[in-house]
């Protein structure tokens, strides 16, 4: 019975942790782009994003990560033989990388708060996709275990990454074209442009 309790709360922890890891880098995108705004919008937006990031990280992400890890330890204590399985070693490696990602987000928060972060909104859009790839890998390992069809899984993950790359590039192009249109419209409407 303990196994089911551990598993249920492990899943709850995973869902909450990943929700935070999907949303926090999106806040970083907006935070980085807020520095491009004129005052007073810049100060208002950056202080609001800073508060949102801090609360998300401290109140949701970190407790969810700790719950995920604690319940995983509980699961392993009920079935210690699982530690001999190759899929579990890969899964734990992915989780360690995600814990590193989690802590790296804290460093980024500090740099953004001090206006010392060199990453742009576009960089953060790429950064935002990292947990998605690991999420898919971890779920596939948990479901298929040692019978994961590696050839198909590799192609699916590669297709997902290519899709993300295409979406990010198309969005960047769309934003660039919109910005160019605004700038050309502003130039036409200016007194110098109407001469």
N, C-alpha and C. Protein backbone atom coordinates (compact mmCIF):
# COMPACT_ATOMS: atom_id res chain seq x y z
N UNK A 1 0.82 -1.21 0.00
CA UNK A 1 0.00 0.00 0.00
C UNK A 1 0.86 1.26 0.00
N UNK A 2 2.01 1.22 0.70
CA UNK A 2 2.89 2.40 0.76
C UNK A 2 3.37 2.77 -0.64
N UNK A 3 3.60 1.76 -1.47
CA UNK A 3 4.07 2.00 -2.84
C UNK A 3 3.10 2.93 -3.58
N UNK A 4 1.80 2.70 -3.47
CA UNK A 4 0.81 3.50 -4.18
C UNK A 4 0.76 4.94 -3.65
N UNK A 5 0.92 5.10 -2.35
CA UNK A 5 0.97 6.45 -1.78
C UNK A 5 2.20 7.20 -2.29
N UNK A 6 3.35 6.52 -2.26
CA UNK A 6 4.57 7.15 -2.77
C UNK A 6 4.42 7.51 -4.25
N UNK A 7 3.86 6.59 -5.02
CA UNK A 7 3.71 6.82 -6.46
C UNK A 7 2.75 7.97 -6.74
N UNK A 8 1.63 8.01 -6.03
CA UNK A 8 0.64 9.07 -6.23
C UNK A 8 1.26 10.45 -5.96
N UNK A 9 1.95 10.59 -4.84
CA UNK A 9 2.53 11.89 -4.50
C UNK A 9 3.79 12.18 -5.33
N UNK A 10 4.44 11.15 -5.82
CA UNK A 10 5.55 11.35 -6.76
C UNK A 10 5.02 11.99 -8.04
N UNK A 11 3.91 11.51 -8.54
CA UNK A 11 3.30 12.07 -9.75
C UNK A 11 2.83 13.50 -9.50
N UNK A 12 2.22 13.75 -8.34
CA UNK A 12 1.80 15.12 -7.99
C UNK A 12 3.01 16.05 -7.98
N UNK A 13 4.10 15.60 -7.36
CA UNK A 13 5.31 16.41 -7.32
C UNK A 13 5.86 16.69 -8.71
N UNK A 14 5.89 15.67 -9.56
CA UNK A 14 6.39 15.83 -10.92
C UNK A 14 5.56 16.86 -11.69
N UNK A 15 4.25 16.74 -11.60
CA UNK A 15 3.36 17.66 -12.33
C UNK A 15 3.62 19.11 -11.89
N UNK A 16 3.68 19.33 -10.59
CA UNK A 16 3.89 20.69 -10.08
C UNK A 16 5.29 21.21 -10.42
N UNK A 17 6.29 20.35 -10.29
CA UNK A 17 7.66 20.77 -10.58
C UNK A 17 7.81 21.15 -12.05
N UNK A 18 7.30 20.30 -12.94
CA UNK A 18 7.42 20.60 -14.36
C UNK A 18 6.57 21.80 -14.76
N UNK A 19 5.43 21.98 -14.14
CA UNK A 19 4.63 23.17 -14.44
C UNK A 19 5.46 24.42 -14.17
N UNK A 20 6.18 24.41 -13.04
CA UNK A 20 7.06 25.54 -12.73
C UNK A 20 8.21 25.66 -13.70
N UNK A 21 8.81 24.53 -14.08
CA UNK A 21 9.95 24.58 -15.00
C UNK A 21 9.53 24.98 -16.41
N UNK A 22 8.27 24.76 -16.76
CA UNK A 22 7.79 25.21 -18.05
C UNK A 22 7.48 26.71 -18.01
N UNK A 23 7.02 27.20 -16.86
CA UNK A 23 6.57 28.60 -16.78
C UNK A 23 7.68 29.58 -16.41
N UNK A 24 8.61 29.18 -15.55
CA UNK A 24 9.64 30.11 -15.10
C UNK A 24 10.48 30.65 -16.26
N UNK A 25 10.97 29.82 -17.17
CA UNK A 25 11.73 30.39 -18.29
C UNK A 25 10.88 31.30 -19.18
N UNK A 26 9.58 31.06 -19.24
CA UNK A 26 8.70 31.96 -19.98
C UNK A 26 8.68 33.33 -19.30
N UNK A 27 8.68 33.34 -17.97
CA UNK A 27 8.79 34.62 -17.25
C UNK A 27 10.13 35.28 -17.54
N UNK A 28 11.19 34.46 -17.67
CA UNK A 28 12.51 35.02 -18.02
C UNK A 28 12.45 35.72 -19.38
N UNK A 29 11.70 35.15 -20.34
CA UNK A 29 11.55 35.77 -21.65
C UNK A 29 10.97 37.17 -21.47
N UNK A 30 9.87 37.26 -20.73
CA UNK A 30 9.20 38.54 -20.53
C UNK A 30 10.07 39.51 -19.74
N UNK A 31 10.78 38.97 -18.74
CA UNK A 31 11.65 39.80 -17.91
C UNK A 31 12.76 40.40 -18.77
N UNK A 32 13.41 39.58 -19.59
CA UNK A 32 14.48 40.08 -20.46
C UNK A 32 13.95 41.12 -21.45
N UNK A 33 12.77 40.88 -21.98
CA UNK A 33 12.19 41.83 -22.94
C UNK A 33 11.69 43.10 -22.26
N UNK A 34 11.41 43.04 -20.97
CA UNK A 34 10.98 44.23 -20.24
C UNK A 34 12.10 45.27 -20.18
N UNK A 35 13.36 44.80 -20.20
CA UNK A 35 14.49 45.74 -20.17
C UNK A 35 14.57 46.57 -21.46
N UNK A 36 13.87 46.16 -22.51
CA UNK A 36 13.84 46.90 -23.77
C UNK A 36 12.80 48.01 -23.76
N UNK A 37 11.95 48.03 -22.74
CA UNK A 37 10.87 49.01 -22.66
C UNK A 37 11.38 50.33 -22.08
N UNK A 38 10.72 51.44 -22.45
CA UNK A 38 11.10 52.72 -21.85
C UNK A 38 10.58 52.81 -20.41
N UNK A 39 11.16 53.72 -19.65
CA UNK A 39 10.67 53.94 -18.29
C UNK A 39 9.34 54.67 -18.38
N UNK A 40 8.41 54.53 -17.47
CA UNK A 40 8.44 53.75 -16.24
C UNK A 40 8.05 52.29 -16.42
N UNK A 41 7.66 51.92 -17.66
CA UNK A 41 7.22 50.54 -17.90
C UNK A 41 8.30 49.53 -17.52
N UNK A 42 9.57 49.86 -17.85
CA UNK A 42 10.67 48.93 -17.55
C UNK A 42 10.71 48.59 -16.06
N UNK A 43 10.69 49.59 -15.21
CA UNK A 43 10.78 49.35 -13.75
C UNK A 43 9.58 48.59 -13.22
N UNK A 44 8.42 48.96 -13.70
CA UNK A 44 7.19 48.30 -13.23
C UNK A 44 7.21 46.82 -13.65
N UNK A 45 7.50 46.56 -14.92
CA UNK A 45 7.49 45.18 -15.42
C UNK A 45 8.57 44.34 -14.77
N UNK A 46 9.80 44.86 -14.68
CA UNK A 46 10.88 44.04 -14.12
C UNK A 46 10.63 43.72 -12.66
N UNK A 47 10.09 44.67 -11.90
CA UNK A 47 9.82 44.36 -10.48
C UNK A 47 8.70 43.34 -10.36
N UNK A 48 7.70 43.41 -11.25
CA UNK A 48 6.60 42.43 -11.22
C UNK A 48 7.09 41.05 -11.61
N UNK A 49 7.90 40.96 -12.66
CA UNK A 49 8.43 39.65 -13.08
C UNK A 49 9.35 39.07 -12.01
N UNK A 50 10.13 39.92 -11.39
CA UNK A 50 11.02 39.47 -10.32
C UNK A 50 10.21 38.82 -9.19
N UNK A 51 9.12 39.47 -8.80
CA UNK A 51 8.26 38.94 -7.75
C UNK A 51 7.62 37.62 -8.17
N UNK A 52 7.12 37.56 -9.40
CA UNK A 52 6.49 36.33 -9.89
C UNK A 52 7.49 35.18 -9.95
N UNK A 53 8.69 35.46 -10.43
CA UNK A 53 9.73 34.43 -10.52
C UNK A 53 10.08 33.90 -9.14
N UNK A 54 10.27 34.81 -8.20
CA UNK A 54 10.66 34.41 -6.84
C UNK A 54 9.59 33.54 -6.20
N UNK A 55 8.34 33.95 -6.32
CA UNK A 55 7.25 33.17 -5.73
C UNK A 55 7.10 31.81 -6.39
N UNK A 56 7.17 31.78 -7.71
CA UNK A 56 7.05 30.51 -8.43
C UNK A 56 8.16 29.56 -8.01
N UNK A 57 9.37 30.06 -7.96
CA UNK A 57 10.53 29.23 -7.61
C UNK A 57 10.45 28.74 -6.17
N UNK A 58 10.15 29.66 -5.25
CA UNK A 58 10.20 29.33 -3.81
C UNK A 58 8.96 28.60 -3.30
N UNK A 59 7.80 28.96 -3.82
CA UNK A 59 6.55 28.43 -3.26
C UNK A 59 6.06 27.19 -4.01
N UNK A 60 6.38 27.09 -5.29
CA UNK A 60 5.88 25.96 -6.08
C UNK A 60 6.99 25.01 -6.51
N UNK A 61 7.97 25.54 -7.24
CA UNK A 61 8.98 24.67 -7.86
C UNK A 61 9.84 23.91 -6.86
N UNK A 62 10.42 24.62 -5.90
CA UNK A 62 11.34 23.96 -4.97
C UNK A 62 10.62 22.94 -4.09
N UNK A 63 9.47 23.29 -3.48
CA UNK A 63 8.76 22.24 -2.72
C UNK A 63 8.34 21.05 -3.59
N UNK A 64 7.94 21.32 -4.83
CA UNK A 64 7.54 20.23 -5.73
C UNK A 64 8.73 19.34 -6.08
N UNK A 65 9.89 19.95 -6.30
CA UNK A 65 11.09 19.17 -6.57
C UNK A 65 11.43 18.29 -5.37
N UNK A 66 11.37 18.86 -4.18
CA UNK A 66 11.68 18.10 -2.96
C UNK A 66 10.68 16.96 -2.75
N UNK A 67 9.39 17.23 -3.02
CA UNK A 67 8.37 16.19 -2.91
C UNK A 67 8.64 15.07 -3.92
N UNK A 68 8.97 15.44 -5.15
CA UNK A 68 9.27 14.46 -6.19
C UNK A 68 10.41 13.55 -5.76
N UNK A 69 11.49 14.15 -5.27
CA UNK A 69 12.66 13.37 -4.86
C UNK A 69 12.36 12.51 -3.64
N UNK A 70 11.67 13.08 -2.66
CA UNK A 70 11.34 12.33 -1.44
C UNK A 70 10.46 11.12 -1.77
N UNK A 71 9.46 11.31 -2.63
CA UNK A 71 8.57 10.21 -2.99
C UNK A 71 9.30 9.18 -3.86
N UNK A 72 10.27 9.63 -4.66
CA UNK A 72 11.08 8.69 -5.46
C UNK A 72 11.91 7.81 -4.53
N UNK A 73 12.46 8.41 -3.49
CA UNK A 73 13.22 7.63 -2.50
C UNK A 73 12.30 6.61 -1.82
N UNK A 74 11.09 7.06 -1.50
CA UNK A 74 10.11 6.14 -0.92
C UNK A 74 9.78 4.99 -1.85
N UNK A 75 9.61 5.29 -3.15
CA UNK A 75 9.34 4.23 -4.13
C UNK A 75 10.47 3.23 -4.20
N UNK A 76 11.69 3.74 -4.20
CA UNK A 76 12.85 2.84 -4.28
C UNK A 76 12.96 1.97 -3.03
N UNK A 77 12.59 2.51 -1.87
CA UNK A 77 12.66 1.69 -0.64
C UNK A 77 11.65 0.55 -0.68
N UNK A 78 10.54 0.75 -1.40
CA UNK A 78 9.55 -0.33 -1.49
C UNK A 78 9.91 -1.36 -2.55
N UNK A 79 10.71 -0.95 -3.54
CA UNK A 79 11.15 -1.85 -4.61
C UNK A 79 12.62 -1.60 -4.91
N UNK A 80 13.54 -1.99 -4.04
CA UNK A 80 14.96 -1.70 -4.24
C UNK A 80 15.57 -2.36 -5.48
N UNK A 81 14.96 -3.42 -5.98
CA UNK A 81 15.50 -4.10 -7.16
C UNK A 81 15.48 -3.21 -8.39
N UNK A 82 14.64 -2.20 -8.40
CA UNK A 82 14.54 -1.31 -9.56
C UNK A 82 15.85 -0.54 -9.80
N UNK A 83 16.66 -0.42 -8.78
CA UNK A 83 17.94 0.29 -8.92
C UNK A 83 18.95 -0.49 -9.76
N UNK A 84 18.65 -1.73 -10.06
CA UNK A 84 19.54 -2.54 -10.90
C UNK A 84 19.16 -2.43 -12.38
N UNK A 85 18.06 -1.76 -12.67
CA UNK A 85 17.55 -1.66 -14.04
C UNK A 85 18.25 -0.52 -14.80
N UNK A 86 18.68 -0.78 -16.04
CA UNK A 86 19.36 0.26 -16.84
C UNK A 86 18.49 1.50 -17.08
N UNK A 87 17.19 1.30 -17.33
CA UNK A 87 16.33 2.44 -17.60
C UNK A 87 16.28 3.38 -16.41
N UNK A 88 16.37 2.83 -15.19
CA UNK A 88 16.33 3.67 -13.99
C UNK A 88 17.59 4.53 -13.90
N UNK A 89 18.71 3.99 -14.29
CA UNK A 89 19.96 4.76 -14.25
C UNK A 89 19.89 5.96 -15.21
N UNK A 90 19.32 5.71 -16.40
CA UNK A 90 19.16 6.80 -17.37
C UNK A 90 18.18 7.84 -16.84
N UNK A 91 17.09 7.36 -16.26
CA UNK A 91 16.08 8.26 -15.71
C UNK A 91 16.69 9.11 -14.59
N UNK A 92 17.45 8.49 -13.70
CA UNK A 92 18.07 9.24 -12.60
C UNK A 92 19.09 10.26 -13.14
N UNK A 93 19.79 9.89 -14.22
CA UNK A 93 20.71 10.85 -14.85
C UNK A 93 19.96 12.07 -15.37
N UNK A 94 18.81 11.82 -15.99
CA UNK A 94 17.97 12.93 -16.48
C UNK A 94 17.47 13.78 -15.33
N UNK A 95 17.07 13.14 -14.24
CA UNK A 95 16.58 13.88 -13.08
C UNK A 95 17.69 14.74 -12.48
N UNK A 96 18.91 14.20 -12.43
CA UNK A 96 20.04 15.00 -11.93
C UNK A 96 20.27 16.23 -12.80
N UNK A 97 20.16 16.07 -14.10
CA UNK A 97 20.30 17.21 -15.00
C UNK A 97 19.17 18.23 -14.78
N UNK A 98 17.97 17.74 -14.52
CA UNK A 98 16.84 18.63 -14.24
C UNK A 98 17.02 19.38 -12.92
N UNK A 99 17.59 18.70 -11.92
CA UNK A 99 17.89 19.39 -10.65
C UNK A 99 18.92 20.49 -10.91
N UNK A 100 19.91 20.20 -11.75
CA UNK A 100 20.88 21.22 -12.13
C UNK A 100 20.22 22.38 -12.85
N UNK A 101 19.30 22.09 -13.74
CA UNK A 101 18.53 23.12 -14.46
C UNK A 101 17.76 23.97 -13.47
N UNK A 102 17.13 23.31 -12.51
CA UNK A 102 16.36 23.99 -11.47
C UNK A 102 17.24 25.01 -10.74
N UNK A 103 18.41 24.59 -10.34
CA UNK A 103 19.31 25.49 -9.60
C UNK A 103 19.90 26.57 -10.50
N UNK A 104 20.11 26.25 -11.77
CA UNK A 104 20.59 27.26 -12.71
C UNK A 104 19.55 28.36 -12.90
N UNK A 105 18.28 27.99 -12.85
CA UNK A 105 17.20 28.99 -12.92
C UNK A 105 17.32 30.00 -11.78
N UNK A 106 17.72 29.55 -10.62
CA UNK A 106 17.91 30.45 -9.48
C UNK A 106 19.02 31.46 -9.78
N UNK A 107 20.11 30.98 -10.39
CA UNK A 107 21.21 31.89 -10.76
C UNK A 107 20.73 32.93 -11.78
N UNK A 108 19.93 32.48 -12.73
CA UNK A 108 19.40 33.42 -13.73
C UNK A 108 18.51 34.46 -13.07
N UNK A 109 17.68 34.02 -12.12
CA UNK A 109 16.81 34.96 -11.41
C UNK A 109 17.64 36.05 -10.73
N UNK A 110 18.71 35.66 -10.10
CA UNK A 110 19.58 36.63 -9.42
C UNK A 110 20.20 37.60 -10.42
N UNK A 111 20.65 37.07 -11.57
CA UNK A 111 21.26 37.94 -12.59
C UNK A 111 20.23 38.90 -13.18
N UNK A 112 19.02 38.41 -13.44
CA UNK A 112 17.97 39.28 -13.96
C UNK A 112 17.63 40.38 -12.96
N UNK A 113 17.56 40.01 -11.69
CA UNK A 113 17.23 40.99 -10.65
C UNK A 113 18.29 42.07 -10.56
N UNK A 114 19.54 41.70 -10.80
CA UNK A 114 20.65 42.67 -10.72
C UNK A 114 20.91 43.34 -12.07
N UNK A 115 20.10 43.02 -13.10
CA UNK A 115 20.27 43.54 -14.45
C UNK A 115 21.66 43.20 -15.00
N UNK A 116 22.11 41.98 -14.70
CA UNK A 116 23.42 41.51 -15.16
C UNK A 116 23.31 40.34 -16.12
N UNK A 117 22.13 39.97 -16.49
CA UNK A 117 21.92 38.80 -17.36
C UNK A 117 22.10 39.23 -18.81
N UNK A 118 22.93 38.49 -19.53
CA UNK A 118 23.22 38.79 -20.94
C UNK A 118 22.30 38.05 -21.90
N UNK A 119 21.49 37.13 -21.38
CA UNK A 119 20.60 36.36 -22.25
C UNK A 119 19.43 37.23 -22.69
N UNK A 120 19.01 37.04 -23.94
CA UNK A 120 17.89 37.79 -24.49
C UNK A 120 16.61 36.96 -24.39
N UNK A 121 15.50 37.57 -24.76
CA UNK A 121 14.24 36.84 -24.80
C UNK A 121 14.33 35.64 -25.73
N UNK A 122 15.04 35.80 -26.85
CA UNK A 122 15.21 34.70 -27.80
C UNK A 122 16.01 33.56 -27.17
N UNK A 123 17.06 33.88 -26.42
CA UNK A 123 17.83 32.84 -25.73
C UNK A 123 16.95 32.09 -24.73
N UNK A 124 16.10 32.83 -24.03
CA UNK A 124 15.24 32.18 -23.04
C UNK A 124 14.16 31.32 -23.69
N UNK A 125 13.77 31.66 -24.90
CA UNK A 125 12.82 30.79 -25.61
C UNK A 125 13.46 29.42 -25.86
N UNK A 126 14.74 29.40 -26.19
CA UNK A 126 15.46 28.13 -26.36
C UNK A 126 15.61 27.43 -25.01
N UNK A 127 15.99 28.19 -24.01
CA UNK A 127 16.18 27.65 -22.66
C UNK A 127 14.90 27.02 -22.14
N UNK A 128 13.77 27.58 -22.53
CA UNK A 128 12.45 27.12 -22.09
C UNK A 128 12.13 25.71 -22.59
N UNK A 129 12.77 25.27 -23.66
CA UNK A 129 12.46 23.97 -24.25
C UNK A 129 13.23 22.82 -23.61
N UNK A 130 14.27 23.12 -22.86
CA UNK A 130 15.09 22.06 -22.26
C UNK A 130 14.28 21.11 -21.37
N UNK A 131 13.46 21.62 -20.43
CA UNK A 131 12.71 20.67 -19.60
C UNK A 131 11.70 19.85 -20.39
N UNK A 132 11.22 20.38 -21.50
CA UNK A 132 10.26 19.62 -22.32
C UNK A 132 10.90 18.34 -22.84
N UNK A 133 12.12 18.48 -23.36
CA UNK A 133 12.82 17.30 -23.90
C UNK A 133 13.05 16.27 -22.80
N UNK A 134 13.52 16.74 -21.64
CA UNK A 134 13.77 15.81 -20.54
C UNK A 134 12.48 15.19 -20.01
N UNK A 135 11.41 15.97 -20.00
CA UNK A 135 10.11 15.46 -19.56
C UNK A 135 9.68 14.28 -20.43
N UNK A 136 9.80 14.44 -21.74
CA UNK A 136 9.41 13.36 -22.66
C UNK A 136 10.28 12.13 -22.43
N UNK A 137 11.58 12.33 -22.29
CA UNK A 137 12.49 11.20 -22.07
C UNK A 137 12.15 10.46 -20.78
N UNK A 138 11.96 11.20 -19.70
CA UNK A 138 11.67 10.59 -18.39
C UNK A 138 10.34 9.83 -18.43
N UNK A 139 9.33 10.42 -19.03
CA UNK A 139 8.03 9.74 -19.10
C UNK A 139 8.14 8.47 -19.94
N UNK A 140 8.83 8.55 -21.07
CA UNK A 140 8.98 7.36 -21.92
C UNK A 140 9.73 6.26 -21.18
N UNK A 141 10.76 6.63 -20.44
CA UNK A 141 11.50 5.62 -19.67
C UNK A 141 10.62 5.00 -18.58
N UNK A 142 9.83 5.84 -17.91
CA UNK A 142 8.97 5.33 -16.84
C UNK A 142 7.89 4.40 -17.38
N UNK A 143 7.39 4.67 -18.57
CA UNK A 143 6.32 3.86 -19.14
C UNK A 143 6.88 2.58 -19.77
N UNK A 144 7.90 2.73 -20.62
CA UNK A 144 8.42 1.57 -21.36
C UNK A 144 9.46 0.76 -20.59
N UNK A 145 10.12 1.41 -19.65
CA UNK A 145 11.20 0.79 -18.88
C UNK A 145 12.27 0.23 -19.83
N UNK A 146 12.67 -1.01 -19.68
CA UNK A 146 13.73 -1.58 -20.52
C UNK A 146 13.25 -1.94 -21.92
N UNK A 147 11.96 -1.87 -22.17
CA UNK A 147 11.46 -2.23 -23.50
C UNK A 147 11.22 -0.99 -24.37
N UNK A 148 11.84 0.13 -24.01
CA UNK A 148 11.70 1.35 -24.81
C UNK A 148 12.28 1.13 -26.20
N UNK A 149 11.46 1.30 -27.24
CA UNK A 149 11.98 1.13 -28.61
C UNK A 149 12.88 2.33 -28.95
N UNK A 150 14.18 2.16 -28.77
CA UNK A 150 15.13 3.27 -28.89
C UNK A 150 15.12 3.92 -30.26
N UNK A 151 14.97 3.14 -31.33
CA UNK A 151 14.97 3.74 -32.66
C UNK A 151 13.78 4.67 -32.83
N UNK A 152 12.60 4.23 -32.45
CA UNK A 152 11.40 5.05 -32.57
C UNK A 152 11.46 6.23 -31.61
N UNK A 153 11.90 5.99 -30.38
CA UNK A 153 11.99 7.07 -29.39
C UNK A 153 12.97 8.15 -29.85
N UNK A 154 14.08 7.73 -30.42
CA UNK A 154 15.07 8.69 -30.92
C UNK A 154 14.48 9.55 -32.02
N UNK A 155 13.76 8.91 -32.95
CA UNK A 155 13.14 9.67 -34.03
C UNK A 155 12.07 10.62 -33.51
N UNK A 156 11.28 10.17 -32.54
CA UNK A 156 10.23 11.03 -31.98
C UNK A 156 10.84 12.25 -31.27
N UNK A 157 11.88 12.03 -30.49
CA UNK A 157 12.52 13.13 -29.78
C UNK A 157 13.19 14.08 -30.78
N UNK A 158 13.83 13.53 -31.80
CA UNK A 158 14.46 14.37 -32.83
C UNK A 158 13.40 15.21 -33.55
N UNK A 159 12.27 14.59 -33.88
CA UNK A 159 11.18 15.32 -34.55
C UNK A 159 10.64 16.42 -33.64
N UNK A 160 10.52 16.13 -32.35
CA UNK A 160 10.04 17.13 -31.40
C UNK A 160 11.00 18.31 -31.34
N UNK A 161 12.30 18.03 -31.27
CA UNK A 161 13.31 19.10 -31.21
C UNK A 161 13.27 19.93 -32.49
N UNK A 162 13.18 19.28 -33.65
CA UNK A 162 13.11 20.00 -34.92
C UNK A 162 11.86 20.88 -34.96
N UNK A 163 10.75 20.35 -34.48
CA UNK A 163 9.52 21.14 -34.41
C UNK A 163 9.67 22.36 -33.51
N UNK A 164 10.35 22.19 -32.39
CA UNK A 164 10.58 23.32 -31.48
C UNK A 164 11.46 24.37 -32.15
N UNK A 165 12.52 23.91 -32.82
CA UNK A 165 13.43 24.83 -33.51
C UNK A 165 12.66 25.62 -34.56
N UNK A 166 11.86 24.93 -35.34
CA UNK A 166 11.09 25.61 -36.39
C UNK A 166 10.12 26.62 -35.79
N UNK A 167 9.43 26.23 -34.73
CA UNK A 167 8.46 27.14 -34.10
C UNK A 167 9.15 28.38 -33.54
N UNK A 168 10.29 28.20 -32.89
CA UNK A 168 11.01 29.34 -32.32
C UNK A 168 11.52 30.26 -33.42
N UNK A 169 12.04 29.68 -34.50
CA UNK A 169 12.54 30.49 -35.61
C UNK A 169 11.41 31.24 -36.31
N UNK A 170 10.29 30.58 -36.53
CA UNK A 170 9.14 31.24 -37.16
C UNK A 170 8.61 32.38 -36.30
N UNK A 171 8.57 32.14 -34.99
CA UNK A 171 8.10 33.19 -34.09
C UNK A 171 9.06 34.38 -34.09
N UNK A 172 10.37 34.10 -34.10
CA UNK A 172 11.37 35.18 -34.13
C UNK A 172 11.23 35.98 -35.42
N UNK A 173 11.00 35.30 -36.52
CA UNK A 173 10.82 35.98 -37.80
C UNK A 173 9.56 36.85 -37.77
N UNK A 174 8.48 36.31 -37.23
CA UNK A 174 7.23 37.05 -37.13
C UNK A 174 7.41 38.32 -36.29
N UNK A 175 8.11 38.20 -35.17
CA UNK A 175 8.36 39.37 -34.31
C UNK A 175 9.24 40.39 -35.02
N UNK A 176 10.25 39.92 -35.74
CA UNK A 176 11.15 40.82 -36.45
C UNK A 176 10.38 41.59 -37.53
N UNK A 177 9.54 40.90 -38.31
CA UNK A 177 8.75 41.55 -39.35
C UNK A 177 7.76 42.55 -38.77
N UNK A 178 7.15 42.19 -37.66
CA UNK A 178 6.20 43.12 -37.00
C UNK A 178 6.94 44.36 -36.52
N UNK A 179 8.13 44.18 -35.96
CA UNK A 179 8.93 45.30 -35.49
C UNK A 179 9.35 46.20 -36.65
N UNK A 180 9.75 45.59 -37.76
CA UNK A 180 10.13 46.37 -38.94
C UNK A 180 8.95 47.15 -39.48
N UNK A 181 7.76 46.56 -39.45
CA UNK A 181 6.56 47.25 -39.94
C UNK A 181 6.23 48.44 -39.04
N UNK A 182 6.34 48.24 -37.72
CA UNK A 182 6.08 49.34 -36.79
C UNK A 182 7.08 50.47 -37.02
N UNK A 183 8.34 50.11 -37.19
CA UNK A 183 9.38 51.13 -37.41
C UNK A 183 9.16 51.87 -38.73
N UNK A 184 8.78 51.16 -39.79
CA UNK A 184 8.55 51.83 -41.08
C UNK A 184 7.31 52.71 -41.02
N UNK A 185 6.29 52.27 -40.30
CA UNK A 185 5.09 53.08 -40.14
C UNK A 185 5.40 54.33 -39.33
N UNK A 186 6.22 54.19 -38.31
CA UNK A 186 6.61 55.34 -37.49
C UNK A 186 7.44 56.33 -38.30
N UNK A 187 8.31 55.80 -39.18
CA UNK A 187 9.15 56.66 -40.01
C UNK A 187 8.30 57.43 -41.02
N UNK A 188 7.28 56.80 -41.57
CA UNK A 188 6.40 57.45 -42.54
C UNK A 188 5.59 58.54 -41.85
N UNK A 189 5.15 58.27 -40.62
CA UNK A 189 4.32 59.22 -39.88
C UNK A 189 5.10 60.35 -39.23
N UNK A 190 6.43 60.26 -39.19
CA UNK A 190 7.23 61.32 -38.56
C UNK A 190 7.31 62.54 -39.47
N UNK A 191 7.58 63.73 -38.89
CA UNK A 191 7.67 64.94 -39.72
C UNK A 191 8.75 64.83 -40.79
N UNK A 192 9.86 64.15 -40.51
CA UNK A 192 10.93 64.00 -41.50
C UNK A 192 10.47 63.11 -42.64
N UNK A 193 9.65 62.09 -42.32
CA UNK A 193 9.18 61.16 -43.35
C UNK A 193 8.11 61.75 -44.23
N UNK A 194 7.44 62.84 -43.80
CA UNK A 194 6.35 63.42 -44.58
C UNK A 194 6.82 64.54 -45.47
N UNK A 195 8.12 64.86 -45.47
CA UNK A 195 8.64 65.97 -46.28
C UNK A 195 8.72 65.58 -47.74
